[in-house]
N, C-alpha and C. Protein backbone atom coordinates (compact mmCIF):
# COMPACT_ATOMS: atom_id res chain seq x y z
N UNK A 1 38.12 -37.59 29.49
CA UNK A 1 36.66 -36.85 29.02
C UNK A 1 35.75 -37.53 30.03
N UNK A 2 34.70 -36.56 30.85
CA UNK A 2 33.90 -36.95 31.52
C UNK A 2 32.39 -36.75 30.86
N UNK A 3 31.78 -37.88 30.47
CA UNK A 3 30.70 -37.65 29.68
C UNK A 3 29.35 -38.31 30.75
N UNK A 4 28.43 -37.41 30.76
CA UNK A 4 27.43 -37.80 31.69
C UNK A 4 26.17 -38.66 30.95
N UNK A 5 25.68 -39.64 31.60
CA UNK A 5 24.76 -40.48 31.00
C UNK A 5 23.23 -39.94 31.36
N UNK A 6 23.12 -38.74 31.72
CA UNK A 6 21.82 -38.16 32.21
C UNK A 6 21.31 -37.51 31.06
N UNK A 7 20.02 -37.49 30.89
CA UNK A 7 19.10 -36.97 29.87
C UNK A 7 18.46 -35.81 30.41
N UNK A 8 18.67 -34.55 29.89
CA UNK A 8 17.74 -33.62 30.57
C UNK A 8 16.33 -33.67 30.15
N UNK A 9 15.56 -33.16 31.23
CA UNK A 9 14.04 -33.35 31.37
C UNK A 9 13.36 -32.39 30.84
N UNK A 10 12.31 -32.46 30.33
CA UNK A 10 11.39 -31.14 30.05
C UNK A 10 10.53 -30.66 31.28
N UNK A 11 10.38 -29.74 31.20
CA UNK A 11 9.58 -29.22 32.63
C UNK A 11 8.47 -28.50 32.19
N UNK A 12 7.43 -28.21 33.38
CA UNK A 12 6.56 -27.20 33.04
C UNK A 12 6.87 -26.29 34.17
N UNK A 13 6.98 -24.91 34.01
CA UNK A 13 7.20 -24.11 34.86
C UNK A 13 5.68 -23.43 35.13
N UNK A 14 5.65 -23.18 36.54
CA UNK A 14 4.24 -22.67 36.90
C UNK A 14 4.42 -21.33 37.74
N UNK A 15 3.82 -20.30 37.22
CA UNK A 15 3.77 -19.28 38.26
C UNK A 15 2.77 -19.58 39.33
N UNK A 16 3.24 -18.96 40.54
CA UNK A 16 2.56 -19.72 41.73
C UNK A 16 1.09 -19.15 41.78
N UNK A 17 1.04 -17.66 42.13
CA UNK A 17 -0.14 -16.99 42.67
C UNK A 17 -1.17 -16.77 41.38
N UNK A 18 -2.30 -17.31 41.48
CA UNK A 18 -3.36 -17.30 40.53
C UNK A 18 -3.37 -18.36 39.52
N UNK A 19 -2.24 -19.18 39.70
CA UNK A 19 -2.04 -20.42 38.86
C UNK A 19 -2.24 -21.70 39.56
N UNK A 20 -1.46 -21.83 40.59
CA UNK A 20 -1.35 -22.97 41.39
C UNK A 20 -2.12 -22.63 42.62
N UNK A 21 -2.05 -21.50 43.31
CA UNK A 21 -2.78 -21.27 44.61
C UNK A 21 -3.31 -19.90 44.34
N UNK A 22 -4.41 -19.55 45.18
CA UNK A 22 -4.75 -18.19 45.33
C UNK A 22 -4.99 -17.81 47.04
N UNK A 23 -5.13 -16.39 47.05
CA UNK A 23 -5.59 -16.06 48.46
C UNK A 23 -7.12 -16.10 48.70
N UNK A 24 -7.34 -17.01 49.83
CA UNK A 24 -8.66 -17.06 50.36
C UNK A 24 -9.38 -15.81 50.66
N UNK A 25 -8.65 -14.62 51.18
CA UNK A 25 -9.28 -13.39 51.51
C UNK A 25 -9.36 -12.46 50.06
N UNK A 26 -8.66 -12.61 48.83
CA UNK A 26 -8.80 -12.25 47.83
C UNK A 26 -9.02 -13.22 46.67
N UNK A 27 -9.90 -14.02 46.44
CA UNK A 27 -10.16 -15.04 45.48
C UNK A 27 -10.08 -14.21 44.14
N UNK A 28 -9.40 -14.77 43.03
CA UNK A 28 -9.61 -14.40 41.68
C UNK A 28 -8.86 -13.02 41.45
N UNK A 29 -8.09 -12.56 42.44
CA UNK A 29 -7.27 -11.43 42.51
C UNK A 29 -5.99 -11.47 42.26
N UNK A 30 -5.19 -10.70 41.92
CA UNK A 30 -3.67 -10.87 41.83
C UNK A 30 -2.99 -10.29 43.06
N UNK A 31 -3.32 -11.06 44.05
CA UNK A 31 -2.91 -10.92 45.47
C UNK A 31 -2.15 -12.28 46.01
N UNK A 32 -1.10 -12.24 46.56
CA UNK A 32 -0.46 -13.45 47.18
C UNK A 32 -1.33 -13.60 48.50
N UNK A 33 -1.25 -15.14 48.63
CA UNK A 33 -1.77 -15.35 50.13
C UNK A 33 -0.76 -14.89 51.01
N UNK A 34 -1.31 -14.35 52.24
CA UNK A 34 -0.60 -13.67 53.23
C UNK A 34 0.09 -14.74 54.30
N UNK A 35 -0.52 -16.08 54.20
CA UNK A 35 0.08 -17.18 54.93
C UNK A 35 -0.50 -18.30 54.33
N UNK A 36 0.03 -19.24 55.06
CA UNK A 36 -0.42 -20.70 54.70
C UNK A 36 -1.80 -20.99 54.98
N UNK A 37 -2.47 -20.32 56.10
CA UNK A 37 -3.94 -20.45 56.15
C UNK A 37 -4.42 -19.67 55.14
N UNK A 38 -4.16 -18.60 54.69
CA UNK A 38 -4.76 -17.95 53.55
C UNK A 38 -4.42 -18.69 52.20
N UNK A 39 -3.77 -19.57 52.00
CA UNK A 39 -3.39 -20.32 50.72
C UNK A 39 -4.56 -21.04 50.33
N UNK A 40 -4.87 -21.43 49.18
CA UNK A 40 -5.57 -22.42 48.83
C UNK A 40 -5.12 -23.11 47.29
N UNK A 41 -5.28 -24.24 47.10
CA UNK A 41 -4.66 -24.65 45.89
C UNK A 41 -5.93 -24.86 44.91
N UNK A 42 -5.91 -24.30 43.93
CA UNK A 42 -6.85 -23.98 42.79
C UNK A 42 -7.74 -25.21 42.32
N UNK A 43 -8.89 -25.49 41.94
CA UNK A 43 -9.38 -26.60 41.62
C UNK A 43 -9.00 -26.99 40.31
N UNK A 44 -8.60 -28.43 40.37
CA UNK A 44 -8.29 -28.97 39.17
C UNK A 44 -6.49 -28.93 38.97
N UNK A 45 -5.93 -28.11 39.92
CA UNK A 45 -4.44 -28.09 39.81
C UNK A 45 -3.91 -29.58 40.11
N UNK A 46 -4.25 -30.05 41.38
CA UNK A 46 -3.58 -31.34 41.53
C UNK A 46 -3.46 -32.55 40.55
N UNK A 47 -4.81 -32.70 40.00
CA UNK A 47 -4.96 -33.72 39.11
C UNK A 47 -4.09 -33.39 37.70
N UNK A 48 -4.10 -32.23 37.38
CA UNK A 48 -3.21 -31.70 36.27
C UNK A 48 -1.98 -31.86 36.45
N UNK A 49 -1.35 -31.56 37.60
CA UNK A 49 0.19 -31.76 37.97
C UNK A 49 0.34 -33.37 37.68
N UNK A 50 -0.39 -33.88 38.42
CA UNK A 50 -0.04 -35.48 38.26
C UNK A 50 -0.03 -36.00 36.86
N UNK A 51 -0.85 -35.46 36.07
CA UNK A 51 -0.79 -35.87 34.75
C UNK A 51 0.65 -35.39 33.71
N UNK A 52 0.92 -34.01 34.12
CA UNK A 52 2.21 -33.58 33.86
C UNK A 52 3.45 -34.68 34.33
N UNK A 53 3.12 -34.97 35.41
CA UNK A 53 4.22 -35.72 36.10
C UNK A 53 4.18 -36.94 35.44
N UNK A 54 3.14 -37.55 35.23
CA UNK A 54 3.07 -38.89 34.53
C UNK A 54 3.66 -38.64 32.99
N UNK A 55 3.59 -37.85 32.34
CA UNK A 55 3.82 -37.48 31.15
C UNK A 55 5.48 -37.35 30.93
N UNK A 56 5.94 -37.14 32.07
CA UNK A 56 7.51 -37.11 32.20
C UNK A 56 8.00 -35.70 32.58
N UNK A 57 7.23 -34.70 32.95
CA UNK A 57 7.79 -33.48 33.07
C UNK A 57 8.11 -33.12 34.38
N UNK A 58 9.27 -32.52 34.56
CA UNK A 58 9.63 -31.93 36.00
C UNK A 58 8.66 -30.66 36.40
N UNK A 59 8.20 -30.31 37.67
CA UNK A 59 7.33 -29.30 37.84
C UNK A 59 8.07 -28.32 38.60
N UNK A 60 8.18 -27.04 38.05
CA UNK A 60 9.01 -25.98 38.79
C UNK A 60 7.88 -24.69 38.97
N UNK A 61 8.14 -24.33 40.18
CA UNK A 61 7.23 -22.86 40.38
C UNK A 61 8.38 -22.06 40.25
N UNK A 62 7.88 -20.93 39.48
CA UNK A 62 8.75 -19.60 39.37
C UNK A 62 7.72 -18.48 39.62
N UNK A 63 8.23 -17.72 40.71
CA UNK A 63 7.44 -16.77 41.42
C UNK A 63 7.94 -15.60 41.58
N UNK A 64 7.43 -14.56 41.44
CA UNK A 64 8.00 -13.07 41.61
C UNK A 64 7.10 -12.70 43.02
N UNK A 65 7.82 -12.55 44.05
CA UNK A 65 7.20 -12.07 45.18
C UNK A 65 7.92 -10.70 45.98
N UNK A 66 7.54 -9.54 45.07
CA UNK A 66 8.02 -8.39 45.35
C UNK A 66 7.48 -7.77 47.04
N UNK A 67 6.41 -8.31 47.19
CA UNK A 67 5.97 -7.62 48.80
C UNK A 67 6.95 -7.95 49.74
N UNK A 68 7.90 -8.85 49.55
CA UNK A 68 8.93 -8.89 50.71
C UNK A 68 9.92 -7.80 50.42
N UNK A 69 10.16 -7.41 49.42
CA UNK A 69 11.22 -6.15 49.14
C UNK A 69 10.36 -4.96 49.66
N UNK A 70 9.01 -4.97 49.42
CA UNK A 70 8.12 -3.69 49.78
C UNK A 70 7.91 -3.76 51.19
N UNK A 71 8.35 -4.75 52.07
CA UNK A 71 7.88 -4.71 53.34
C UNK A 71 6.43 -5.13 53.87
N UNK A 72 5.89 -5.63 52.87
CA UNK A 72 4.44 -6.16 53.28
C UNK A 72 4.30 -7.41 53.50
N UNK A 73 5.32 -8.18 53.40
CA UNK A 73 5.66 -9.56 53.61
C UNK A 73 6.66 -10.23 54.26
N UNK A 74 6.81 -11.08 55.21
CA UNK A 74 8.21 -11.59 55.43
C UNK A 74 8.67 -12.57 54.57
N UNK A 75 10.01 -12.90 54.19
CA UNK A 75 10.52 -13.93 53.44
C UNK A 75 9.99 -15.34 54.28
N UNK A 76 9.98 -15.35 55.64
CA UNK A 76 9.86 -16.63 55.89
C UNK A 76 8.28 -17.14 55.78
N UNK A 77 7.45 -15.90 55.66
CA UNK A 77 5.96 -16.25 55.31
C UNK A 77 5.98 -16.93 53.89
N UNK A 78 6.62 -16.17 53.06
CA UNK A 78 6.84 -16.88 51.46
C UNK A 78 7.30 -18.16 51.63
N UNK A 79 8.66 -18.30 52.24
CA UNK A 79 9.04 -19.85 52.10
C UNK A 79 8.09 -20.90 52.75
N UNK A 80 7.34 -20.35 54.06
CA UNK A 80 6.39 -21.33 54.61
C UNK A 80 5.21 -21.82 53.42
N UNK A 81 4.78 -20.83 52.82
CA UNK A 81 3.83 -20.85 51.71
C UNK A 81 4.26 -21.76 50.69
N UNK A 82 5.52 -21.84 50.29
CA UNK A 82 6.30 -22.45 49.17
C UNK A 82 6.35 -23.91 49.90
N UNK A 83 6.69 -24.09 50.96
CA UNK A 83 6.91 -25.45 51.66
C UNK A 83 5.73 -26.20 51.73
N UNK A 84 4.54 -25.44 51.94
CA UNK A 84 3.23 -26.01 51.96
C UNK A 84 2.76 -26.60 50.59
N UNK A 85 3.00 -25.58 49.80
CA UNK A 85 2.53 -26.09 48.34
C UNK A 85 3.48 -27.29 47.93
N UNK A 86 4.52 -27.46 48.29
CA UNK A 86 5.49 -28.52 47.88
C UNK A 86 4.92 -30.00 48.58
N UNK A 87 4.53 -29.62 49.78
CA UNK A 87 3.92 -30.70 50.89
C UNK A 87 2.54 -31.30 49.96
N UNK A 88 1.77 -30.50 49.26
CA UNK A 88 0.60 -31.16 48.97
C UNK A 88 0.47 -31.06 47.47
N UNK A 89 1.37 -30.72 46.95
CA UNK A 89 1.38 -31.12 45.43
C UNK A 89 2.93 -31.51 44.89
N UNK A 90 2.84 -32.17 43.76
CA UNK A 90 4.19 -32.75 43.39
C UNK A 90 5.24 -31.85 42.60
N UNK A 91 5.62 -30.67 43.53
CA UNK A 91 6.52 -29.81 42.74
C UNK A 91 7.76 -30.20 43.25
N UNK A 92 8.83 -30.33 41.83
CA UNK A 92 10.05 -30.52 42.25
C UNK A 92 10.95 -29.53 42.68
N UNK A 93 10.54 -28.19 42.54
CA UNK A 93 11.55 -27.17 43.00
C UNK A 93 10.56 -25.79 42.82
N UNK A 94 11.04 -24.79 43.72
CA UNK A 94 10.63 -23.42 43.65
C UNK A 94 11.59 -22.43 43.73
N UNK A 95 11.57 -21.54 42.71
CA UNK A 95 12.50 -20.44 42.38
C UNK A 95 11.62 -19.14 42.79
N UNK A 96 12.16 -18.27 43.46
CA UNK A 96 11.53 -16.95 43.93
C UNK A 96 12.43 -15.92 43.73
N UNK A 97 11.86 -14.90 42.92
CA UNK A 97 12.52 -13.52 43.00
C UNK A 97 11.91 -12.64 43.93
N UNK A 98 12.63 -12.51 45.06
CA UNK A 98 12.36 -11.36 46.06
C UNK A 98 12.28 -9.93 45.91
N UNK A 99 12.83 -9.51 44.80
CA UNK A 99 13.21 -8.14 44.35
C UNK A 99 12.02 -7.53 43.79
N UNK A 100 11.99 -6.15 43.98
CA UNK A 100 11.17 -5.28 43.31
C UNK A 100 11.85 -4.37 42.29
N UNK A 101 11.11 -3.96 41.21
CA UNK A 101 11.77 -3.03 40.22
C UNK A 101 12.47 -3.94 39.09
N UNK A 102 13.40 -3.29 38.65
CA UNK A 102 13.79 -3.89 37.30
C UNK A 102 15.56 -4.16 37.33
N UNK A 103 15.93 -4.27 38.36
CA UNK A 103 17.57 -4.19 38.60
C UNK A 103 18.10 -5.74 38.64
N UNK A 104 17.07 -6.86 38.37
CA UNK A 104 17.70 -8.03 38.74
C UNK A 104 17.54 -8.99 37.32
N UNK A 105 18.14 -9.89 37.31
CA UNK A 105 17.90 -10.94 36.18
C UNK A 105 16.93 -11.73 36.36
N UNK A 106 16.50 -12.18 37.71
CA UNK A 106 15.49 -13.26 38.02
C UNK A 106 14.21 -12.84 38.00
N UNK A 107 13.74 -11.52 38.02
CA UNK A 107 12.24 -11.13 38.28
C UNK A 107 11.66 -11.33 36.62
N UNK A 108 10.54 -11.98 36.69
CA UNK A 108 9.97 -12.11 35.30
C UNK A 108 9.31 -10.80 34.92
N UNK A 109 9.52 -10.08 33.84
CA UNK A 109 9.44 -11.01 32.49
C UNK A 109 10.89 -11.27 32.16
N UNK A 110 12.03 -11.29 32.92
CA UNK A 110 13.06 -11.94 32.62
C UNK A 110 13.08 -13.26 32.78
N UNK A 111 13.96 -13.98 32.23
CA UNK A 111 14.07 -15.38 32.09
C UNK A 111 14.78 -16.19 33.30
N UNK A 112 15.51 -15.31 34.03
CA UNK A 112 16.54 -15.80 35.14
C UNK A 112 16.14 -17.11 35.76
N UNK A 113 14.90 -16.85 36.37
CA UNK A 113 14.36 -18.07 37.26
C UNK A 113 14.34 -19.53 36.32
N UNK A 114 14.00 -19.40 35.13
CA UNK A 114 13.99 -20.52 34.35
C UNK A 114 15.21 -20.94 33.93
N UNK A 115 16.29 -19.91 33.59
CA UNK A 115 17.55 -20.45 33.22
C UNK A 115 18.06 -21.18 34.40
N UNK A 116 17.99 -20.55 35.64
CA UNK A 116 18.58 -21.10 36.90
C UNK A 116 18.00 -22.67 37.12
N UNK A 117 16.82 -22.74 36.79
CA UNK A 117 16.12 -24.27 37.17
C UNK A 117 16.80 -25.00 36.08
N UNK A 118 16.73 -24.84 35.01
CA UNK A 118 17.24 -25.54 34.03
C UNK A 118 18.54 -25.92 34.24
N UNK A 119 19.57 -25.24 34.67
CA UNK A 119 20.98 -25.22 34.96
C UNK A 119 20.85 -26.38 36.55
N UNK A 120 20.20 -25.71 37.44
CA UNK A 120 20.31 -26.53 38.58
C UNK A 120 19.90 -28.11 38.37
N UNK A 121 18.74 -27.99 37.70
CA UNK A 121 18.01 -29.44 37.68
C UNK A 121 18.10 -30.19 36.39
N UNK A 122 18.94 -29.80 35.74
CA UNK A 122 19.33 -30.62 34.43
C UNK A 122 18.03 -30.69 33.45
N UNK A 123 17.31 -29.54 33.13
CA UNK A 123 15.99 -29.47 32.41
C UNK A 123 16.47 -29.05 30.91
N UNK A 124 15.72 -29.64 30.04
CA UNK A 124 15.78 -29.47 28.66
C UNK A 124 14.79 -28.40 28.34
N UNK A 125 15.07 -27.00 27.98
CA UNK A 125 14.09 -26.05 27.73
C UNK A 125 13.26 -25.98 26.27
N UNK A 126 13.84 -26.87 25.59
CA UNK A 126 13.10 -26.78 24.16
C UNK A 126 11.67 -27.34 24.25
N UNK A 127 11.66 -28.38 25.11
CA UNK A 127 10.02 -29.11 25.12
C UNK A 127 9.52 -28.77 26.33
N UNK A 128 9.93 -27.67 26.91
CA UNK A 128 9.23 -27.28 27.97
C UNK A 128 8.16 -26.20 27.89
N UNK A 129 7.18 -25.95 29.15
CA UNK A 129 6.19 -24.99 28.98
C UNK A 129 6.41 -24.22 30.21
N UNK A 130 5.84 -22.87 30.16
CA UNK A 130 5.70 -22.01 31.24
C UNK A 130 4.01 -21.73 31.06
N UNK A 131 3.46 -21.79 32.37
CA UNK A 131 2.01 -21.55 32.49
C UNK A 131 1.82 -20.36 33.51
N UNK A 132 1.30 -19.34 32.98
CA UNK A 132 1.15 -18.18 34.05
C UNK A 132 -0.38 -17.54 33.77
N UNK A 133 -0.70 -16.58 34.54
CA UNK A 133 -1.50 -15.74 34.29
C UNK A 133 -1.59 -14.29 34.04
N UNK A 134 -0.29 -13.55 33.89
CA UNK A 134 0.13 -12.47 33.48
C UNK A 134 1.01 -12.37 32.50
N UNK A 135 1.14 -11.26 31.92
CA UNK A 135 1.92 -11.13 30.82
C UNK A 135 3.44 -11.37 31.12
N UNK A 136 4.02 -11.05 32.19
CA UNK A 136 5.22 -11.28 32.64
C UNK A 136 5.63 -12.57 32.69
N UNK A 137 4.70 -13.60 32.88
CA UNK A 137 4.90 -15.17 32.81
C UNK A 137 5.17 -15.40 31.58
N UNK A 138 4.29 -14.92 30.61
CA UNK A 138 4.49 -15.33 29.12
C UNK A 138 5.80 -14.76 28.73
N UNK A 139 6.07 -13.55 28.98
CA UNK A 139 7.29 -12.73 28.32
C UNK A 139 8.59 -13.65 29.00
N UNK A 140 8.63 -14.00 30.10
CA UNK A 140 9.49 -15.00 30.47
C UNK A 140 9.82 -16.16 29.81
N UNK A 141 8.81 -16.82 29.65
CA UNK A 141 8.73 -18.10 28.92
C UNK A 141 9.13 -17.90 27.66
N UNK A 142 8.65 -16.96 27.06
CA UNK A 142 9.09 -16.74 25.55
C UNK A 142 10.62 -16.40 25.46
N UNK A 143 11.15 -15.51 26.48
CA UNK A 143 12.75 -15.17 26.40
C UNK A 143 13.32 -16.61 26.85
N UNK A 144 13.04 -17.35 27.56
CA UNK A 144 13.64 -18.41 27.89
C UNK A 144 13.30 -19.74 26.70
N UNK A 145 12.57 -19.26 25.56
CA UNK A 145 12.52 -20.58 24.72
C UNK A 145 11.54 -21.56 24.92
N UNK A 146 10.66 -21.44 25.86
CA UNK A 146 9.75 -22.53 26.19
C UNK A 146 8.22 -22.09 25.63
N UNK A 147 7.43 -23.29 25.52
CA UNK A 147 5.94 -22.84 25.14
C UNK A 147 5.20 -22.30 26.03
N UNK A 148 4.47 -21.40 25.84
CA UNK A 148 3.88 -20.66 27.00
C UNK A 148 2.11 -20.79 26.88
N UNK A 149 1.52 -20.89 28.13
CA UNK A 149 0.06 -20.74 28.13
C UNK A 149 -0.28 -19.87 29.16
N UNK A 150 -1.08 -18.90 28.64
CA UNK A 150 -1.74 -17.92 29.56
C UNK A 150 -3.15 -18.39 30.04
N UNK A 151 -3.20 -18.33 31.20
CA UNK A 151 -4.71 -18.51 32.07
C UNK A 151 -5.09 -17.48 32.06
N UNK A 152 -6.19 -17.07 31.29
CA UNK A 152 -6.72 -15.71 31.25
C UNK A 152 -7.54 -15.40 32.58
N UNK A 153 -6.95 -14.14 33.02
CA UNK A 153 -7.55 -13.70 34.07
C UNK A 153 -8.10 -12.09 33.79
N UNK A 154 -8.82 -11.38 34.35
CA UNK A 154 -9.20 -10.02 34.38
C UNK A 154 -7.97 -9.10 34.45
N UNK A 155 -6.85 -9.50 35.06
CA UNK A 155 -5.71 -8.80 35.18
C UNK A 155 -4.59 -9.24 34.50
N UNK A 156 -4.58 -9.95 33.49
CA UNK A 156 -3.40 -10.59 32.83
C UNK A 156 -2.78 -9.81 32.04
N UNK A 157 -3.38 -8.69 31.35
CA UNK A 157 -2.60 -7.84 30.60
C UNK A 157 -2.41 -6.41 31.18
N UNK A 158 -2.69 -6.26 32.49
CA UNK A 158 -2.56 -4.95 33.24
C UNK A 158 -0.99 -4.77 33.60
N UNK A 159 -0.75 -3.43 33.37
CA UNK A 159 0.45 -3.11 33.76
C UNK A 159 1.10 -3.54 35.01
N UNK A 160 2.20 -3.92 35.26
CA UNK A 160 2.96 -4.29 36.73
C UNK A 160 3.95 -3.36 36.90
N UNK A 161 4.59 -3.56 37.96
CA UNK A 161 5.82 -2.82 38.46
C UNK A 161 6.99 -3.10 37.37
N UNK A 162 6.79 -4.12 36.62
CA UNK A 162 7.81 -4.50 35.63
C UNK A 162 7.57 -3.65 34.30
N UNK A 163 6.32 -2.78 34.43
CA UNK A 163 6.05 -2.17 33.31
C UNK A 163 4.74 -2.55 32.55
N UNK A 164 4.58 -2.52 31.10
CA UNK A 164 3.39 -2.74 30.36
C UNK A 164 3.67 -3.79 29.51
N UNK A 165 2.81 -4.48 29.12
CA UNK A 165 2.95 -5.56 27.96
C UNK A 165 3.53 -5.14 26.82
N UNK A 166 4.42 -5.75 26.27
CA UNK A 166 5.32 -5.42 25.02
C UNK A 166 4.34 -5.84 24.03
N UNK A 167 4.54 -4.90 22.97
CA UNK A 167 3.30 -5.26 21.67
C UNK A 167 3.23 -6.37 20.97
N UNK A 168 4.41 -6.99 21.19
CA UNK A 168 4.54 -8.29 20.21
C UNK A 168 3.98 -9.50 21.02
N UNK A 169 3.68 -9.38 22.41
CA UNK A 169 3.14 -10.61 23.23
C UNK A 169 1.64 -10.78 22.99
N UNK A 170 1.14 -11.72 22.03
CA UNK A 170 -0.06 -11.75 21.87
C UNK A 170 -0.34 -13.33 21.78
N UNK A 171 -1.10 -13.96 22.34
CA UNK A 171 -1.44 -15.45 21.89
C UNK A 171 -2.78 -15.97 22.37
N UNK A 172 -3.19 -17.11 22.14
CA UNK A 172 -4.39 -17.62 22.23
C UNK A 172 -4.40 -17.77 24.00
N UNK A 173 -5.68 -17.66 24.64
CA UNK A 173 -5.59 -17.91 25.91
C UNK A 173 -6.75 -19.02 26.36
N UNK A 174 -6.57 -19.30 27.67
CA UNK A 174 -7.49 -20.21 28.15
C UNK A 174 -8.08 -19.78 29.50
N UNK A 175 -9.27 -19.98 29.64
CA UNK A 175 -9.81 -19.55 30.84
C UNK A 175 -9.42 -20.51 32.12
N UNK A 176 -9.30 -20.41 33.27
CA UNK A 176 -8.95 -21.27 34.28
C UNK A 176 -9.59 -22.64 34.25
N UNK A 177 -10.94 -22.46 34.03
CA UNK A 177 -11.67 -23.45 34.03
C UNK A 177 -11.50 -24.61 32.80
N UNK A 178 -11.16 -23.97 31.87
CA UNK A 178 -10.88 -24.72 30.58
C UNK A 178 -9.59 -25.32 30.53
N UNK A 179 -8.43 -24.58 31.34
CA UNK A 179 -7.03 -25.30 31.34
C UNK A 179 -6.94 -26.39 32.26
N UNK A 180 -7.43 -26.26 33.61
CA UNK A 180 -7.29 -26.96 34.72
C UNK A 180 -8.20 -28.42 34.74
N UNK A 181 -9.25 -28.06 33.96
CA UNK A 181 -10.19 -29.34 33.63
C UNK A 181 -9.72 -29.88 32.38
N UNK A 182 -8.70 -29.71 31.79
CA UNK A 182 -8.54 -30.47 30.34
C UNK A 182 -8.30 -31.97 30.77
N UNK A 183 -8.81 -32.80 29.69
CA UNK A 183 -8.16 -34.28 29.99
C UNK A 183 -6.95 -34.41 30.18
N UNK A 184 -6.43 -35.22 30.92
CA UNK A 184 -4.77 -35.71 31.28
C UNK A 184 -4.25 -36.10 29.98
N UNK A 185 -4.97 -36.71 29.23
CA UNK A 185 -4.36 -37.42 27.97
C UNK A 185 -3.77 -36.16 26.85
N UNK A 186 -4.49 -35.04 27.12
CA UNK A 186 -4.00 -34.16 26.15
C UNK A 186 -2.58 -33.47 26.41
N UNK A 187 -2.21 -33.91 27.52
CA UNK A 187 -0.79 -33.23 27.98
C UNK A 187 0.18 -34.23 27.49
N UNK A 188 0.02 -35.31 26.97
CA UNK A 188 0.89 -36.42 26.67
C UNK A 188 1.90 -35.98 25.47
N UNK A 189 1.35 -35.36 24.69
CA UNK A 189 2.30 -35.09 23.56
C UNK A 189 2.10 -33.45 23.14
N UNK A 190 2.85 -32.69 23.73
CA UNK A 190 2.81 -31.46 23.74
C UNK A 190 3.47 -30.86 22.50
N UNK A 191 2.71 -29.82 21.82
CA UNK A 191 2.97 -29.38 20.69
C UNK A 191 3.00 -27.81 20.81
N UNK A 192 3.96 -27.15 19.88
CA UNK A 192 3.90 -25.89 19.90
C UNK A 192 2.65 -25.39 19.01
N UNK A 193 2.44 -23.94 19.13
CA UNK A 193 1.00 -23.41 18.43
C UNK A 193 1.63 -23.38 17.19
N UNK A 194 0.64 -24.00 16.38
CA UNK A 194 0.84 -23.78 14.81
C UNK A 194 1.51 -25.24 14.19
N UNK A 195 2.07 -26.08 15.22
CA UNK A 195 2.51 -27.51 14.87
C UNK A 195 1.43 -28.29 14.29
C-alpha cells in the first residue's frame, strides 16, 4: 500500500482581470489587458498576496480568456501576460480557459479549473477561497465548495456570454479598496460567512 505523507494545502483562487491586474487602456472596466505593456497590478494586491502566502495558502489564478477563441487576442499574448504576473507576484499556478460559450467544463461559472488545480497541486478545497469580481467567479467557487469573496465592481452582476446570474447567488460584497487594503492579520484565521 502506497501512503503519501503530503498534506493538501488550502488555496486562494484568484480571477485575473479586475482582481489581480487591469488594463491600463480601460481601468475599472471588464476588459483584459491586450499585452504585458497594457497590464498593471492593482494597488494593494502584492501585499495581500504576500499575507495569504504567509498564512499558508497556495495562490492560483483561474481566468476565462474567451477573446482567444473570438480571435481578438492571441494565446501567446495571454501566456505572456500570465508569465509576467507570475514574475512580479507570488503566484503558484495559472489555469486558463480559452473557450467561448458553454461547451466546456473549465469555463467559469463551472468549477473545472478549480478542480484541476486541486488535483494537480494537491490542494484542499474545504478551507480554500475564490476571489473574483464577477458573478461567474462566485458561482465557480460555490460549485467547487470553496468560500467566496466578490470584489464589487459596476459590472459584477451583468450578464456574460455564460448567461445571467443565477437567482440563488447573493452575498456580501467588498469594494476593491476595502478588500486589498485589509490588514494582513485578518487573513490568518479564515472563516465561512456566518461562522
